[in-house]
Amino acid sequence: GITDDGACRFIDTNYNGESFFVRHAYFTGADRPYEKLSKA
C-alpha cells in the first residue's frame, strides 16, 4: 500500500486523468479525528 501521515488522505486506485474517485479514505489527523468524523 501507500504510507503517509496527513490529516486525511484519499486514493483513487484507478485514476483516469479526468475524474478523481475516492476508492480509499483515511483519516489520521490529530486532535480527536474519530469524534470529529462522527460529528460530521
PDB file of all heavy atoms in Angstrom:
ATOM      1  N   GLY A   1       0.810  -1.210   0.000  1.00  0.00           N
ATOM      2  CA  GLY A   1       0.000   0.000   0.000  1.00  0.00           C
ATOM      3  C   GLY A   1       0.840   1.254   0.000  1.00  0.00           C
ATOM      4  O   GLY A   1       2.003   1.235  -0.365  1.00  0.00           O
ATOM      5  N   ILE A   2       0.237   2.373   0.404  1.00  0.00           N
ATOM      6  CA  ILE A   2       0.885   3.683   0.417  1.00  0.00           C
ATOM      7  C   ILE A   2       0.966   4.152   1.862  1.00  0.00           C
ATOM      8  O   ILE A   2       0.020   4.023   2.620  1.00  0.00           O
ATOM      9  CB  ILE A   2       0.074   4.701  -0.399  1.00  0.00           C
ATOM     10  CG1 ILE A   2       0.006   4.247  -1.849  1.00  0.00           C
ATOM     11  CG2 ILE A   2       0.671   6.087  -0.296  1.00  0.00           C
ATOM     12  CD1 ILE A   2      -0.920   5.081  -2.670  1.00  0.00           C
ATOM     13  N   THR A   3       2.099   4.724   2.238  1.00  0.00           N
ATOM     14  CA  THR A   3       2.285   5.212   3.602  1.00  0.00           C
ATOM     15  C   THR A   3       2.361   6.732   3.603  1.00  0.00           C
ATOM     16  O   THR A   3       3.064   7.314   2.788  1.00  0.00           O
ATOM     17  CB  THR A   3       3.590   4.636   4.202  1.00  0.00           C
ATOM     18  OG1 THR A   3       3.514   3.223   4.146  1.00  0.00           O
ATOM     19  CG2 THR A   3       3.763   5.077   5.627  1.00  0.00           C
ATOM     20  N   ASP A   4       1.629   7.367   4.524  1.00  0.00           N
ATOM     21  CA  ASP A   4       1.660   8.822   4.689  1.00  0.00           C
ATOM     22  C   ASP A   4       0.994   9.155   6.011  1.00  0.00           C
ATOM     23  O   ASP A   4       0.278   8.341   6.575  1.00  0.00           O
ATOM     24  CB  ASP A   4       0.916   9.500   3.551  1.00  0.00           C
ATOM     25  CG  ASP A   4       0.833  10.978   3.765  1.00  0.00           C
ATOM     26  OD1 ASP A   4       1.869  11.640   3.713  1.00  0.00           O
ATOM     27  OD2 ASP A   4      -0.271  11.475   4.034  1.00  0.00           O
ATOM     28  N   ASP A   5       1.196  10.383   6.501  1.00  0.00           N
ATOM     29  CA  ASP A   5       0.595  10.754   7.780  1.00  0.00           C
ATOM     30  C   ASP A   5      -0.137  12.091   7.735  1.00  0.00           C
ATOM     31  O   ASP A   5      -0.138  12.833   8.697  1.00  0.00           O
ATOM     32  CB  ASP A   5       1.655  10.756   8.878  1.00  0.00           C
ATOM     33  CG  ASP A   5       2.721  11.810   8.646  1.00  0.00           C
ATOM     34  OD1 ASP A   5       2.741  12.409   7.564  1.00  0.00           O
ATOM     35  OD2 ASP A   5       3.526  12.044   9.564  1.00  0.00           O
ATOM     36  N   GLY A   6      -0.788  12.428   6.640  1.00  0.00           N
ATOM     37  CA  GLY A   6      -1.548  13.673   6.551  1.00  0.00           C
ATOM     38  C   GLY A   6      -2.809  13.612   7.393  1.00  0.00           C
ATOM     39  O   GLY A   6      -3.172  12.576   7.944  1.00  0.00           O
ATOM     40  N   ALA A   7      -3.513  14.720   7.525  1.00  0.00           N
ATOM     41  CA  ALA A   7      -4.746  14.768   8.312  1.00  0.00           C
ATOM     42  C   ALA A   7      -5.794  13.824   7.735  1.00  0.00           C
ATOM     43  O   ALA A   7      -6.455  13.090   8.452  1.00  0.00           O
ATOM     44  CB  ALA A   7      -5.284  16.186   8.361  1.00  0.00           C
ATOM     45  N   CYS A   8      -5.936  13.852   6.420  1.00  0.00           N
ATOM     46  CA  CYS A   8      -6.769  12.864   5.749  1.00  0.00           C
ATOM     47  C   CYS A   8      -6.189  12.629   4.358  1.00  0.00           C
ATOM     48  O   CYS A   8      -5.515  13.483   3.793  1.00  0.00           O
ATOM     49  CB  CYS A   8      -8.232  13.264   5.704  1.00  0.00           C
ATOM     50  SG  CYS A   8      -8.601  14.725   4.758  1.00  0.00           S
ATOM     51  N   ARG A   9      -6.427  11.444   3.874  1.00  0.00           N
ATOM     52  CA  ARG A   9      -5.825  11.023   2.605  1.00  0.00           C
ATOM     53  C   ARG A   9      -6.852  10.212   1.839  1.00  0.00           C
ATOM     54  O   ARG A   9      -7.521   9.348   2.391  1.00  0.00           O
ATOM     55  CB  ARG A   9      -4.598  10.174   2.919  1.00  0.00           C
ATOM     56  CG  ARG A   9      -3.905   9.590   1.767  1.00  0.00           C
ATOM     57  CD  ARG A   9      -2.607   8.922   2.193  1.00  0.00           C
ATOM     58  NE  ARG A   9      -2.672   8.339   3.510  1.00  0.00           N
ATOM     59  CZ  ARG A   9      -2.727   7.024   3.750  1.00  0.00           C
ATOM     60  NH1 ARG A   9      -2.706   6.183   2.761  1.00  0.00           N
ATOM     61  NH2 ARG A   9      -2.796   6.572   4.981  1.00  0.00           N
ATOM     62  N   PHE A  10      -6.975  10.529   0.557  1.00  0.00           N
ATOM     63  CA  PHE A  10      -7.894   9.818  -0.326  1.00  0.00           C
ATOM     64  C   PHE A  10      -7.097   9.262  -1.492  1.00  0.00           C
ATOM     65  O   PHE A  10      -6.212   9.933  -2.012  1.00  0.00           O
ATOM     66  CB  PHE A  10      -8.985  10.763  -0.830  1.00  0.00           C
ATOM     67  CG  PHE A  10      -9.728  11.450   0.281  1.00  0.00           C
ATOM     68  CD1 PHE A  10      -9.534  12.793   0.534  1.00  0.00           C
ATOM     69  CD2 PHE A  10     -10.595  10.740   1.088  1.00  0.00           C
ATOM     70  CE1 PHE A  10     -10.194  13.425   1.564  1.00  0.00           C
ATOM     71  CE2 PHE A  10     -11.264  11.370   2.127  1.00  0.00           C
ATOM     72  CZ  PHE A  10     -11.074  12.713   2.361  1.00  0.00           C
ATOM     73  N   ILE A  11      -7.446   8.063  -1.915  1.00  0.00           N
ATOM     74  CA  ILE A  11      -6.708   7.416  -3.003  1.00  0.00           C
ATOM     75  C   ILE A  11      -7.685   6.958  -4.067  1.00  0.00           C
ATOM     76  O   ILE A  11      -8.688   6.314  -3.765  1.00  0.00           O
ATOM     77  CB  ILE A  11      -5.908   6.202  -2.495  1.00  0.00           C
ATOM     78  CG1 ILE A  11      -4.964   6.615  -1.367  1.00  0.00           C
ATOM     79  CG2 ILE A  11      -5.127   5.562  -3.637  1.00  0.00           C
ATOM     80  CD1 ILE A  11      -4.282   5.440  -0.689  1.00  0.00           C
ATOM     81  N   ASP A  12      -7.385   7.315  -5.298  1.00  0.00           N
ATOM     82  CA  ASP A  12      -8.084   6.762  -6.454  1.00  0.00           C
ATOM     83  C   ASP A  12      -7.139   5.722  -7.031  1.00  0.00           C
ATOM     84  O   ASP A  12      -6.118   6.062  -7.620  1.00  0.00           O
ATOM     85  CB  ASP A  12      -8.399   7.841  -7.481  1.00  0.00           C
ATOM     86  CG  ASP A  12      -9.210   7.318  -8.660  1.00  0.00           C
ATOM     87  OD1 ASP A  12      -9.266   6.080  -8.855  1.00  0.00           O
ATOM     88  OD2 ASP A  12      -9.771   8.140  -9.398  1.00  0.00           O
ATOM     89  N   THR A  13      -7.448   4.455  -6.830  1.00  0.00           N
ATOM     90  CA  THR A  13      -6.545   3.367  -7.230  1.00  0.00           C
ATOM     91  C   THR A  13      -6.652   3.013  -8.704  1.00  0.00           C
ATOM     92  O   THR A  13      -5.984   2.087  -9.166  1.00  0.00           O
ATOM     93  CB  THR A  13      -6.821   2.103  -6.393  1.00  0.00           C
ATOM     94  OG1 THR A  13      -8.196   1.723  -6.570  1.00  0.00           O
ATOM     95  CG2 THR A  13      -6.542   2.353  -4.926  1.00  0.00           C
ATOM     96  N   ASN A  14      -7.462   3.752  -9.451  1.00  0.00           N
ATOM     97  CA  ASN A  14      -7.588   3.513 -10.892  1.00  0.00           C
ATOM     98  C   ASN A  14      -7.838   4.858 -11.584  1.00  0.00           C
ATOM     99  O   ASN A  14      -8.805   5.031 -12.308  1.00  0.00           O
ATOM    100  CB  ASN A  14      -8.726   2.529 -11.167  1.00  0.00           C
ATOM    101  CG  ASN A  14      -8.621   1.883 -12.521  1.00  0.00           C
ATOM    102  OD1 ASN A  14      -7.541   1.751 -13.076  1.00  0.00           O
ATOM    103  ND2 ASN A  14      -9.750   1.478 -13.064  1.00  0.00           N
ATOM    104  N   TYR A  15      -6.935   5.817 -11.365  1.00  0.00           N
ATOM    105  CA  TYR A  15      -7.107   7.198 -11.828  1.00  0.00           C
ATOM    106  C   TYR A  15      -7.053   7.280 -13.345  1.00  0.00           C
ATOM    107  O   TYR A  15      -6.112   6.793 -13.981  1.00  0.00           O
ATOM    108  CB  TYR A  15      -6.022   8.069 -11.209  1.00  0.00           C
ATOM    109  CG  TYR A  15      -6.154   9.533 -11.522  1.00  0.00           C
ATOM    110  CD1 TYR A  15      -7.252  10.255 -11.098  1.00  0.00           C
ATOM    111  CD2 TYR A  15      -5.164  10.190 -12.224  1.00  0.00           C
ATOM    112  CE1 TYR A  15      -7.373  11.605 -11.371  1.00  0.00           C
ATOM    113  CE2 TYR A  15      -5.269  11.543 -12.508  1.00  0.00           C
ATOM    114  CZ  TYR A  15      -6.376  12.235 -12.084  1.00  0.00           C
ATOM    115  OH  TYR A  15      -6.486  13.570 -12.357  1.00  0.00           O
ATOM    116  N   ASN A  16      -8.065   7.911 -13.940  1.00  0.00           N
ATOM    117  CA  ASN A  16      -8.141   8.011 -15.403  1.00  0.00           C
ATOM    118  C   ASN A  16      -7.633   9.333 -15.960  1.00  0.00           C
ATOM    119  O   ASN A  16      -7.677   9.560 -17.160  1.00  0.00           O
ATOM    120  CB  ASN A  16      -9.573   7.768 -15.882  1.00  0.00           C
ATOM    121  CG  ASN A  16     -10.542   8.843 -15.430  1.00  0.00           C
ATOM    122  OD1 ASN A  16     -10.157   9.874 -14.889  1.00  0.00           O
ATOM    123  ND2 ASN A  16     -11.822   8.596 -15.640  1.00  0.00           N
ATOM    124  N   GLY A  17      -7.161  10.236 -15.091  1.00  0.00           N
ATOM    125  CA  GLY A  17      -6.626  11.509 -15.553  1.00  0.00           C
ATOM    126  C   GLY A  17      -7.669  12.594 -15.697  1.00  0.00           C
ATOM    127  O   GLY A  17      -7.330  13.748 -15.940  1.00  0.00           O
ATOM    128  N   GLU A  18      -8.939  12.263 -15.570  1.00  0.00           N
ATOM    129  CA  GLU A  18     -10.000  13.250 -15.710  1.00  0.00           C
ATOM    130  C   GLU A  18     -10.801  13.442 -14.432  1.00  0.00           C
ATOM    131  O   GLU A  18     -11.093  14.563 -14.041  1.00  0.00           O
ATOM    132  CB  GLU A  18     -10.949  12.841 -16.839  1.00  0.00           C
ATOM    133  CG  GLU A  18     -10.282  12.832 -18.199  1.00  0.00           C
ATOM    134  CD  GLU A  18     -11.239  12.391 -19.296  1.00  0.00           C
ATOM    135  OE1 GLU A  18     -12.453  12.276 -19.036  1.00  0.00           O
ATOM    136  OE2 GLU A  18     -10.767  12.154 -20.411  1.00  0.00           O
ATOM    137  N   SER A  19     -11.183  12.359 -13.808  1.00  0.00           N
ATOM    138  CA  SER A  19     -12.024  12.420 -12.611  1.00  0.00           C
ATOM    139  C   SER A  19     -11.357  11.675 -11.469  1.00  0.00           C
ATOM    140  O   SER A  19     -10.814  10.598 -11.668  1.00  0.00           O
ATOM    141  CB  SER A  19     -13.387  11.776 -12.879  1.00  0.00           C
ATOM    142  OG  SER A  19     -14.045  12.442 -13.923  1.00  0.00           O
ATOM    143  N   PHE A  20     -11.432  12.255 -10.286  1.00  0.00           N
ATOM    144  CA  PHE A  20     -10.878  11.612  -9.096  1.00  0.00           C
ATOM    145  C   PHE A  20     -12.021  10.945  -8.350  1.00  0.00           C
ATOM    146  O   PHE A  20     -12.980  11.599  -7.953  1.00  0.00           O
ATOM    147  CB  PHE A  20     -10.204  12.658  -8.203  1.00  0.00           C
ATOM    148  CG  PHE A  20      -9.561  12.080  -6.980  1.00  0.00           C
ATOM    149  CD1 PHE A  20      -8.229  11.699  -7.010  1.00  0.00           C
ATOM    150  CD2 PHE A  20     -10.271  11.917  -5.806  1.00  0.00           C
ATOM    151  CE1 PHE A  20      -7.625  11.160  -5.880  1.00  0.00           C
ATOM    152  CE2 PHE A  20      -9.682  11.393  -4.676  1.00  0.00           C
ATOM    153  CZ  PHE A  20      -8.355  10.999  -4.718  1.00  0.00           C
ATOM    154  N   PHE A  21     -11.933   9.626  -8.172  1.00  0.00           N
ATOM    155  CA  PHE A  21     -12.925   8.866  -7.422  1.00  0.00           C
ATOM    156  C   PHE A  21     -12.271   8.365  -6.143  1.00  0.00           C
ATOM    157  O   PHE A  21     -11.234   7.711  -6.191  1.00  0.00           O
ATOM    158  CB  PHE A  21     -13.439   7.667  -8.232  1.00  0.00           C
ATOM    159  CG  PHE A  21     -14.229   8.072  -9.434  1.00  0.00           C
ATOM    160  CD1 PHE A  21     -13.635   8.109 -10.688  1.00  0.00           C
ATOM    161  CD2 PHE A  21     -15.570   8.421  -9.323  1.00  0.00           C
ATOM    162  CE1 PHE A  21     -14.357   8.485 -11.805  1.00  0.00           C
ATOM    163  CE2 PHE A  21     -16.293   8.804 -10.431  1.00  0.00           C
ATOM    164  CZ  PHE A  21     -15.684   8.836 -11.673  1.00  0.00           C
ATOM    165  N   VAL A  22     -12.885   8.658  -5.013  1.00  0.00           N
ATOM    166  CA  VAL A  22     -12.348   8.189  -3.734  1.00  0.00           C
ATOM    167  C   VAL A  22     -12.655   6.701  -3.614  1.00  0.00           C
ATOM    168  O   VAL A  22     -13.799   6.310  -3.487  1.00  0.00           O
ATOM    169  CB  VAL A  22     -12.957   8.961  -2.544  1.00  0.00           C
ATOM    170  CG1 VAL A  22     -12.454   8.399  -1.226  1.00  0.00           C
ATOM    171  CG2 VAL A  22     -12.648  10.442  -2.660  1.00  0.00           C
ATOM    172  N   ARG A  23     -11.597   5.894  -3.699  1.00  0.00           N
ATOM    173  CA  ARG A  23     -11.749   4.447  -3.559  1.00  0.00           C
ATOM    174  C   ARG A  23     -11.211   3.974  -2.215  1.00  0.00           C
ATOM    175  O   ARG A  23     -11.594   2.922  -1.735  1.00  0.00           O
ATOM    176  CB  ARG A  23     -11.049   3.746  -4.712  1.00  0.00           C
ATOM    177  CG  ARG A  23     -11.651   4.151  -6.059  1.00  0.00           C
ATOM    178  CD  ARG A  23     -10.865   3.604  -7.227  1.00  0.00           C
ATOM    179  NE  ARG A  23     -11.108   4.319  -8.443  1.00  0.00           N
ATOM    180  CZ  ARG A  23     -12.042   4.018  -9.335  1.00  0.00           C
ATOM    181  NH1 ARG A  23     -12.870   3.030  -9.110  1.00  0.00           N
ATOM    182  NH2 ARG A  23     -12.159   4.718 -10.431  1.00  0.00           N
ATOM    183  N   HIS A  24     -10.315   4.768  -1.627  1.00  0.00           N
ATOM    184  CA  HIS A  24      -9.803   4.548  -0.277  1.00  0.00           C
ATOM    185  C   HIS A  24      -9.834   5.888   0.437  1.00  0.00           C
ATOM    186  O   HIS A  24      -9.490   6.910  -0.156  1.00  0.00           O
ATOM    187  CB  HIS A  24      -8.346   4.074  -0.299  1.00  0.00           C
ATOM    188  CG  HIS A  24      -8.143   2.679  -0.764  1.00  0.00           C
ATOM    189  ND1 HIS A  24      -7.405   1.782  -0.052  1.00  0.00           N
ATOM    190  CD2 HIS A  24      -8.562   2.021  -1.866  1.00  0.00           C
ATOM    191  CE1 HIS A  24      -7.365   0.628  -0.698  1.00  0.00           C
ATOM    192  NE2 HIS A  24      -8.064   0.760  -1.799  1.00  0.00           N
ATOM    193  N   ALA A  25     -10.214   5.880   1.712  1.00  0.00           N
ATOM    194  CA  ALA A  25     -10.213   7.107   2.517  1.00  0.00           C
ATOM    195  C   ALA A  25      -9.604   6.788   3.873  1.00  0.00           C
ATOM    196  O   ALA A  25      -9.913   5.756   4.470  1.00  0.00           O
ATOM    197  CB  ALA A  25     -11.632   7.632   2.696  1.00  0.00           C
ATOM    198  N   TYR A  26      -8.724   7.694   4.339  1.00  0.00           N
ATOM    199  CA  TYR A  26      -8.057   7.517   5.629  1.00  0.00           C
ATOM    200  C   TYR A  26      -8.062   8.850   6.362  1.00  0.00           C
ATOM    201  O   TYR A  26      -7.765   9.877   5.777  1.00  0.00           O
ATOM    202  CB  TYR A  26      -6.617   7.029   5.428  1.00  0.00           C
ATOM    203  CG  TYR A  26      -6.572   5.754   4.618  1.00  0.00           C
ATOM    204  CD1 TYR A  26      -6.305   5.791   3.263  1.00  0.00           C
ATOM    205  CD2 TYR A  26      -6.834   4.528   5.216  1.00  0.00           C
ATOM    206  CE1 TYR A  26      -6.296   4.639   2.513  1.00  0.00           C
ATOM    207  CE2 TYR A  26      -6.825   3.365   4.470  1.00  0.00           C
ATOM    208  CZ  TYR A  26      -6.558   3.421   3.122  1.00  0.00           C
ATOM    209  OH  TYR A  26      -6.560   2.270   2.374  1.00  0.00           O
ATOM    210  N   PHE A  27      -8.383   8.788   7.646  1.00  0.00           N
ATOM    211  CA  PHE A  27      -8.452   9.981   8.480  1.00  0.00           C
ATOM    212  C   PHE A  27      -7.490   9.788   9.647  1.00  0.00           C
ATOM    213  O   PHE A  27      -7.819   9.117  10.617  1.00  0.00           O
ATOM    214  CB  PHE A  27      -9.881  10.198   8.986  1.00  0.00           C
ATOM    215  CG  PHE A  27     -10.874  10.347   7.872  1.00  0.00           C
ATOM    216  CD1 PHE A  27     -11.513   9.249   7.339  1.00  0.00           C
ATOM    217  CD2 PHE A  27     -11.128  11.595   7.339  1.00  0.00           C
ATOM    218  CE1 PHE A  27     -12.422   9.386   6.291  1.00  0.00           C
ATOM    219  CE2 PHE A  27     -12.028  11.749   6.291  1.00  0.00           C
ATOM    220  CZ  PHE A  27     -12.674  10.638   5.770  1.00  0.00           C
ATOM    221  N   THR A  28      -6.307  10.361   9.533  1.00  0.00           N
ATOM    222  CA  THR A  28      -5.263  10.121  10.536  1.00  0.00           C
ATOM    223  C   THR A  28      -4.869  11.379  11.287  1.00  0.00           C
ATOM    224  O   THR A  28      -3.852  11.406  11.945  1.00  0.00           O
ATOM    225  CB  THR A  28      -4.012   9.536   9.861  1.00  0.00           C
ATOM    226  OG1 THR A  28      -3.598  10.433   8.826  1.00  0.00           O
ATOM    227  CG2 THR A  28      -4.300   8.181   9.271  1.00  0.00           C
ATOM    228  N   GLY A  29      -5.667  12.396  11.180  1.00  0.00           N
ATOM    229  CA  GLY A  29      -5.308  13.664  11.801  1.00  0.00           C
ATOM    230  C   GLY A  29      -5.311  13.619  13.312  1.00  0.00           C
ATOM    231  O   GLY A  29      -5.928  12.758  13.932  1.00  0.00           O
ATOM    232  N   ALA A  30      -4.622  14.552  13.890  1.00  0.00           N
ATOM    233  CA  ALA A  30      -4.561  14.668  15.347  1.00  0.00           C
ATOM    234  C   ALA A  30      -5.823  15.340  15.869  1.00  0.00           C
ATOM    235  O   ALA A  30      -6.698  15.729  15.101  1.00  0.00           O
ATOM    236  CB  ALA A  30      -3.330  15.486  15.735  1.00  0.00           C
ATOM    237  N   ASP A  31      -5.906  15.473  17.177  1.00  0.00           N
ATOM    238  CA  ASP A  31      -6.981  16.223  17.816  1.00  0.00           C
ATOM    239  C   ASP A  31      -8.352  15.574  17.614  1.00  0.00           C
ATOM    240  O   ASP A  31      -9.250  16.157  17.037  1.00  0.00           O
ATOM    241  CB  ASP A  31      -6.977  17.678  17.330  1.00  0.00           C
ATOM    242  CG  ASP A  31      -7.807  18.584  18.218  1.00  0.00           C
ATOM    243  OD1 ASP A  31      -7.999  18.251  19.399  1.00  0.00           O
ATOM    244  OD2 ASP A  31      -8.277  19.611  17.701  1.00  0.00           O
ATOM    245  N   ARG A  32      -8.511  14.335  18.050  1.00  0.00           N
ATOM    246  CA  ARG A  32      -9.778  13.611  18.088  1.00  0.00           C
ATOM    247  C   ARG A  32     -10.440  13.425  16.718  1.00  0.00           C
ATOM    248  O   ARG A  32     -11.596  13.827  16.522  1.00  0.00           O
ATOM    249  CB  ARG A  32     -10.740  14.304  19.049  1.00  0.00           C
ATOM    250  CG  ARG A  32     -10.224  14.469  20.445  1.00  0.00           C
ATOM    251  CD  ARG A  32     -11.171  15.189  21.393  1.00  0.00           C
ATOM    252  NE  ARG A  32     -12.236  15.957  20.784  1.00  0.00           N
ATOM    253  CZ  ARG A  32     -12.182  17.264  20.559  1.00  0.00           C
ATOM    254  NH1 ARG A  32     -11.107  17.944  20.862  1.00  0.00           N
ATOM    255  NH2 ARG A  32     -13.204  17.892  20.042  1.00  0.00           N
ATOM    256  N   PRO A  33      -9.784  12.815  15.755  1.00  0.00           N
ATOM    257  CA  PRO A  33     -10.407  12.658  14.441  1.00  0.00           C
ATOM    258  C   PRO A  33     -11.669  11.794  14.468  1.00  0.00           C
ATOM    259  O   PRO A  33     -12.601  12.039  13.716  1.00  0.00           O
ATOM    260  CB  PRO A  33      -9.311  12.023  13.594  1.00  0.00           C
ATOM    261  CG  PRO A  33      -8.398  11.375  14.557  1.00  0.00           C
ATOM    262  CD  PRO A  33      -8.451  12.216  15.792  1.00  0.00           C
ATOM    263  N   TYR A  34     -11.725  10.790  15.365  1.00  0.00           N
ATOM    264  CA  TYR A  34     -12.913   9.935  15.446  1.00  0.00           C
ATOM    265  C   TYR A  34     -14.142  10.761  15.812  1.00  0.00           C
ATOM    266  O   TYR A  34     -15.181  10.676  15.173  1.00  0.00           O
ATOM    267  CB  TYR A  34     -12.696   8.817  16.473  1.00  0.00           C
ATOM    268  CG  TYR A  34     -13.911   7.950  16.691  1.00  0.00           C
ATOM    269  CD1 TYR A  34     -14.168   6.886  15.838  1.00  0.00           C
ATOM    270  CD2 TYR A  34     -14.806   8.209  17.720  1.00  0.00           C
ATOM    271  CE1 TYR A  34     -15.289   6.084  16.016  1.00  0.00           C
ATOM    272  CE2 TYR A  34     -15.931   7.412  17.907  1.00  0.00           C
ATOM    273  CZ  TYR A  34     -16.158   6.356  17.054  1.00  0.00           C
ATOM    274  OH  TYR A  34     -17.275   5.581  17.230  1.00  0.00           O
ATOM    275  N   GLU A  35     -14.002  11.580  16.844  1.00  0.00           N
ATOM    276  CA  GLU A  35     -15.124  12.396  17.289  1.00  0.00           C
ATOM    277  C   GLU A  35     -15.545  13.402  16.214  1.00  0.00           C
ATOM    278  O   GLU A  35     -16.727  13.631  15.990  1.00  0.00           O
ATOM    279  CB  GLU A  35     -14.780  13.139  18.588  1.00  0.00           C
ATOM    280  CG  GLU A  35     -14.700  12.241  19.795  1.00  0.00           C
ATOM    281  CD  GLU A  35     -13.322  11.581  19.959  1.00  0.00           C
ATOM    282  OE1 GLU A  35     -12.415  11.832  19.138  1.00  0.00           O
ATOM    283  OE2 GLU A  35     -13.174  10.798  20.906  1.00  0.00           O
ATOM    284  N   LYS A  36     -14.557  14.002  15.554  1.00  0.00           N
ATOM    285  CA  LYS A  36     -14.873  14.987  14.514  1.00  0.00           C
ATOM    286  C   LYS A  36     -15.582  14.341  13.327  1.00  0.00           C
ATOM    287  O   LYS A  36     -16.537  14.900  12.785  1.00  0.00           O
ATOM    288  CB  LYS A  36     -13.601  15.706  14.065  1.00  0.00           C
ATOM    289  CG  LYS A  36     -13.085  16.663  15.108  1.00  0.00           C
ATOM    290  CD  LYS A  36     -11.863  17.391  14.623  1.00  0.00           C
ATOM    291  CE  LYS A  36     -11.388  18.367  15.679  1.00  0.00           C
ATOM    292  NZ  LYS A  36     -10.242  19.138  15.237  1.00  0.00           N
ATOM    293  N   LEU A  37     -15.108  13.150  12.917  1.00  0.00           N
ATOM    294  CA  LEU A  37     -15.751  12.465  11.800  1.00  0.00           C
ATOM    295  C   LEU A  37     -17.151  12.010  12.187  1.00  0.00           C
ATOM    296  O   LEU A  37     -18.087  12.147  11.405  1.00  0.00           O
ATOM    297  CB  LEU A  37     -14.902  11.280  11.335  1.00  0.00           C
ATOM    298  CG  LEU A  37     -15.425  10.523  10.115  1.00  0.00           C
ATOM    299  CD1 LEU A  37     -15.540  11.453   8.910  1.00  0.00           C
ATOM    300  CD2 LEU A  37     -14.527   9.347   9.786  1.00  0.00           C
ATOM    301  N   SER A  38     -17.320  11.490  13.397  1.00  0.00           N
ATOM    302  CA  SER A  38     -18.644  11.086  13.875  1.00  0.00           C
ATOM    303  C   SER A  38     -19.609  12.265  13.868  1.00  0.00           C
ATOM    304  O   SER A  38     -20.760  12.148  13.460  1.00  0.00           O
ATOM    305  CB  SER A  38     -18.562  10.515  15.296  1.00  0.00           C
ATOM    306  OG  SER A  38     -17.881   9.308  15.305  1.00  0.00           O
ATOM    307  N   LYS A  39     -19.110  13.418  14.317  1.00  0.00           N
ATOM    308  CA  LYS A  39     -19.952  14.618  14.347  1.00  0.00           C
ATOM    309  C   LYS A  39     -20.307  15.064  12.932  1.00  0.00           C
ATOM    310  O   LYS A  39     -21.453  15.426  12.655  1.00  0.00           O
ATOM    311  CB  LYS A  39     -19.228  15.738  15.094  1.00  0.00           C
ATOM    312  CG  LYS A  39     -20.056  16.981  15.282  1.00  0.00           C
ATOM    313  CD  LYS A  39     -19.307  18.022  16.082  1.00  0.00           C
ATOM    314  CE  LYS A  39     -20.122  19.283  16.231  1.00  0.00           C
ATOM    315  NZ  LYS A  39     -19.406  20.299  17.016  1.00  0.00           N
ATOM    316  N   ALA A  40     -19.320  15.044  12.028  1.00  0.00           N
ATOM    317  CA  ALA A  40     -19.576  15.472  10.644  1.00  0.00           C
ATOM    318  C   ALA A  40     -20.586  14.545   9.965  1.00  0.00           C
ATOM    319  O   ALA A  40     -21.451  14.999   9.210  1.00  0.00           O
ATOM    320  CB  ALA A  40     -18.271  15.493   9.850  1.00  0.00           C
TER     321      ALA A  40
END
